[in-house]
Amino acid sequence: MYYLRMTKRRKPRKPPELEVTDALIKEVGMLGGHGLLLTDIRNYYGFGAFESSWFTLLKKHPRMVDAWIEGRAKTGAWVAQQLINKMKQGNVAAMIFYLKTQMHWVEKHSLEVTSPEKPDLIPLKLGKDPIKATKAYQKIMR
């Protein structure tokens, strides 16, 4: 059995003191551009256990949130431009990726099998379910 070891209670920690400057706001924008979420940035600055203090700070300084949003948007725009450049160069994988993510393009696969010898054993259509297709294949091969 496992028992919890009793330890002395620690004094409650306080949230870190953070002076909001233009440099800090610029850094938050850069971190957002690198893909960090606001919760990740909270942990980065040592507010991990102080969620309410972090969000109070963000409410006091909305420029931090604006910088984070702008950083993410700029990175997204740069990535989209790189994707378009690849498509213009003839990269088929980039074209397919764009079609699937932006134009809701879907590849549908279906297989029709018929046999004059055993028509009752073979389903007319094998859909997308790989398990059903495998079972049908096993029936055919017996």
Protein backbone atom coordinates (compact mmCIF):
# COMPACT_ATOMS: atom_id res chain seq x y z
CA MET A 1 0.00 0.00 0.00
CA TYR A 2 1.03 3.53 -0.61
CA TYR A 3 0.72 6.14 2.09
CA LEU A 4 0.93 9.85 1.65
CA ARG A 5 3.90 11.27 3.43
CA MET A 6 2.98 14.21 5.57
CA THR A 7 5.08 17.22 4.86
CA LYS A 8 5.25 20.63 6.39
CA ARG A 9 2.94 23.11 4.80
CA ARG A 10 4.73 25.63 2.68
CA LYS A 11 3.88 29.27 2.75
CA PRO A 12 1.64 30.10 -0.18
CA ARG A 13 3.60 31.50 -3.07
CA LYS A 14 2.75 34.79 -4.66
CA PRO A 15 2.37 35.43 -8.37
CA PRO A 16 5.46 36.94 -9.97
CA GLU A 17 5.76 40.67 -10.31
CA LEU A 18 5.67 41.53 -13.99
CA GLU A 19 6.17 45.04 -15.27
CA VAL A 20 4.30 45.46 -18.54
CA THR A 21 6.52 47.37 -20.95
CA ASP A 22 6.58 47.78 -24.70
CA ALA A 23 9.38 45.21 -24.83
CA LEU A 24 7.26 42.69 -22.90
CA ILE A 25 4.28 43.29 -25.17
CA LYS A 26 6.51 42.78 -28.22
CA GLU A 27 7.82 39.53 -26.69
CA VAL A 28 4.26 38.27 -26.08
CA GLY A 29 3.53 38.94 -29.77
CA MET A 30 6.66 37.04 -30.77
CA LEU A 31 5.73 34.09 -28.54
CA GLY A 32 2.23 34.05 -30.03
CA GLY A 33 3.78 34.05 -33.49
CA HIS A 34 5.82 31.02 -32.51
CA GLY A 35 2.60 29.15 -31.77
CA LEU A 36 2.34 29.50 -28.00
CA LEU A 37 -1.13 29.77 -26.54
CA LEU A 38 -1.92 32.30 -23.82
CA THR A 39 -1.82 29.47 -21.27
CA ASP A 40 1.69 28.53 -22.49
CA ILE A 41 2.80 32.15 -22.17
CA ARG A 42 1.30 32.22 -18.67
CA ASN A 43 3.55 29.30 -17.73
CA TYR A 44 6.52 30.91 -19.52
CA TYR A 45 6.30 33.93 -17.23
CA GLY A 46 5.81 31.84 -14.08
CA PHE A 47 2.07 32.34 -13.62
CA GLY A 48 1.34 28.61 -13.96
CA ALA A 49 -0.44 28.23 -10.64
CA PHE A 50 -1.87 31.74 -10.70
CA GLU A 51 -4.41 31.61 -13.51
CA SER A 52 -6.68 34.30 -12.11
CA SER A 53 -3.73 36.67 -11.58
CA TRP A 54 -2.62 36.10 -15.18
CA PHE A 55 -6.04 36.83 -16.63
CA THR A 56 -6.40 39.89 -14.37
CA LEU A 57 -3.10 41.12 -15.81
CA LEU A 58 -4.37 40.54 -19.35
CA LYS A 59 -7.58 42.46 -18.60
CA LYS A 60 -5.52 45.38 -17.25
CA HIS A 61 -3.26 45.35 -20.32
CA PRO A 62 -5.30 44.38 -23.40
CA ARG A 63 -2.36 45.35 -25.61
CA MET A 64 -0.74 42.05 -24.55
CA VAL A 65 -3.66 40.06 -25.97
CA ASP A 66 -3.70 42.25 -29.10
CA ALA A 67 0.03 41.61 -29.62
CA TRP A 68 -0.50 37.86 -29.18
CA ILE A 69 -3.34 37.86 -31.75
CA GLU A 70 -1.27 39.94 -34.17
CA GLY A 71 1.74 37.62 -33.80
CA ARG A 72 -0.37 34.56 -34.57
CA ALA A 73 -2.01 36.28 -37.55
CA LYS A 74 1.32 37.40 -39.04
CA THR A 75 2.75 33.88 -38.75
CA GLY A 76 -0.40 32.42 -40.31
CA ALA A 77 -0.15 34.87 -43.20
CA TRP A 78 3.52 34.02 -43.75
CA VAL A 79 2.78 30.26 -43.75
CA ALA A 80 -0.10 30.77 -46.19
CA GLN A 81 2.18 32.77 -48.50
CA GLN A 82 4.79 29.98 -48.41
CA LEU A 83 2.09 27.45 -49.27
CA ILE A 84 0.91 29.56 -52.21
CA ASN A 85 4.50 29.89 -53.45
CA LYS A 86 4.86 26.09 -53.34
CA MET A 87 1.60 25.70 -55.29
CA LYS A 88 2.80 28.20 -57.91
CA GLN A 89 5.98 26.13 -58.30
CA GLY A 90 3.81 23.12 -59.13
CA ASN A 91 4.01 21.26 -55.83
CA VAL A 92 1.06 18.86 -56.09
CA ALA A 93 1.13 17.94 -52.38
CA ALA A 94 0.75 21.62 -51.48
CA MET A 95 -2.14 21.93 -53.92
CA ILE A 96 -3.92 18.89 -52.46
CA PHE A 97 -3.34 20.16 -48.91
CA TYR A 98 -4.85 23.53 -49.85
CA LEU A 99 -7.85 21.92 -51.54
CA LYS A 100 -8.53 19.64 -48.57
CA THR A 101 -8.15 22.30 -45.87
CA GLN A 102 -9.59 25.36 -47.59
CA MET A 103 -11.97 24.07 -50.25
CA HIS A 104 -13.30 21.04 -48.30
CA TRP A 105 -12.15 18.70 -51.06
CA VAL A 106 -12.58 15.04 -50.12
CA GLU A 107 -11.21 11.94 -51.75
CA LYS A 108 -13.75 9.12 -51.71
CA HIS A 109 -12.67 5.56 -52.23
CA SER A 110 -15.04 2.72 -52.90
CA LEU A 111 -14.50 -0.64 -54.52
CA GLU A 112 -17.08 -2.65 -56.41
CA VAL A 113 -16.56 -6.40 -56.72
CA THR A 114 -18.77 -8.79 -58.67
CA SER A 115 -18.46 -12.48 -59.42
CA PRO A 116 -20.71 -14.68 -61.54
CA GLU A 117 -19.63 -17.75 -59.51
CA LYS A 118 -20.50 -16.60 -55.96
CA PRO A 119 -22.83 -13.60 -56.20
CA ASP A 120 -24.31 -14.11 -52.72
CA LEU A 121 -20.91 -14.04 -50.97
CA ILE A 122 -19.64 -10.81 -52.47
CA PRO A 123 -21.17 -7.52 -51.44
CA LEU A 124 -21.88 -5.21 -54.33
CA LYS A 125 -20.09 -2.30 -52.67
CA LEU A 126 -17.27 -2.18 -50.18
CA GLY A 127 -17.50 1.16 -48.38
CA LYS A 128 -14.93 3.03 -46.32
CA ASP A 129 -15.02 0.67 -43.33
CA PRO A 130 -11.78 -1.35 -43.49
CA ILE A 131 -13.09 -4.06 -41.13
CA LYS A 132 -16.11 -4.83 -43.32
CA ALA A 133 -13.91 -4.80 -46.41
CA THR A 134 -11.46 -7.23 -44.79
CA LYS A 135 -14.26 -9.59 -43.78
CA ALA A 136 -15.70 -9.50 -47.30
CA TYR A 137 -12.26 -10.20 -48.75
CA GLN A 138 -11.81 -13.17 -46.40
CA LYS A 139 -15.18 -14.58 -47.52
CA ILE A 140 -14.15 -14.29 -51.16
CA MET A 141 -10.82 -16.02 -50.60
CA ARG A 142 -12.32 -19.11 -48.87
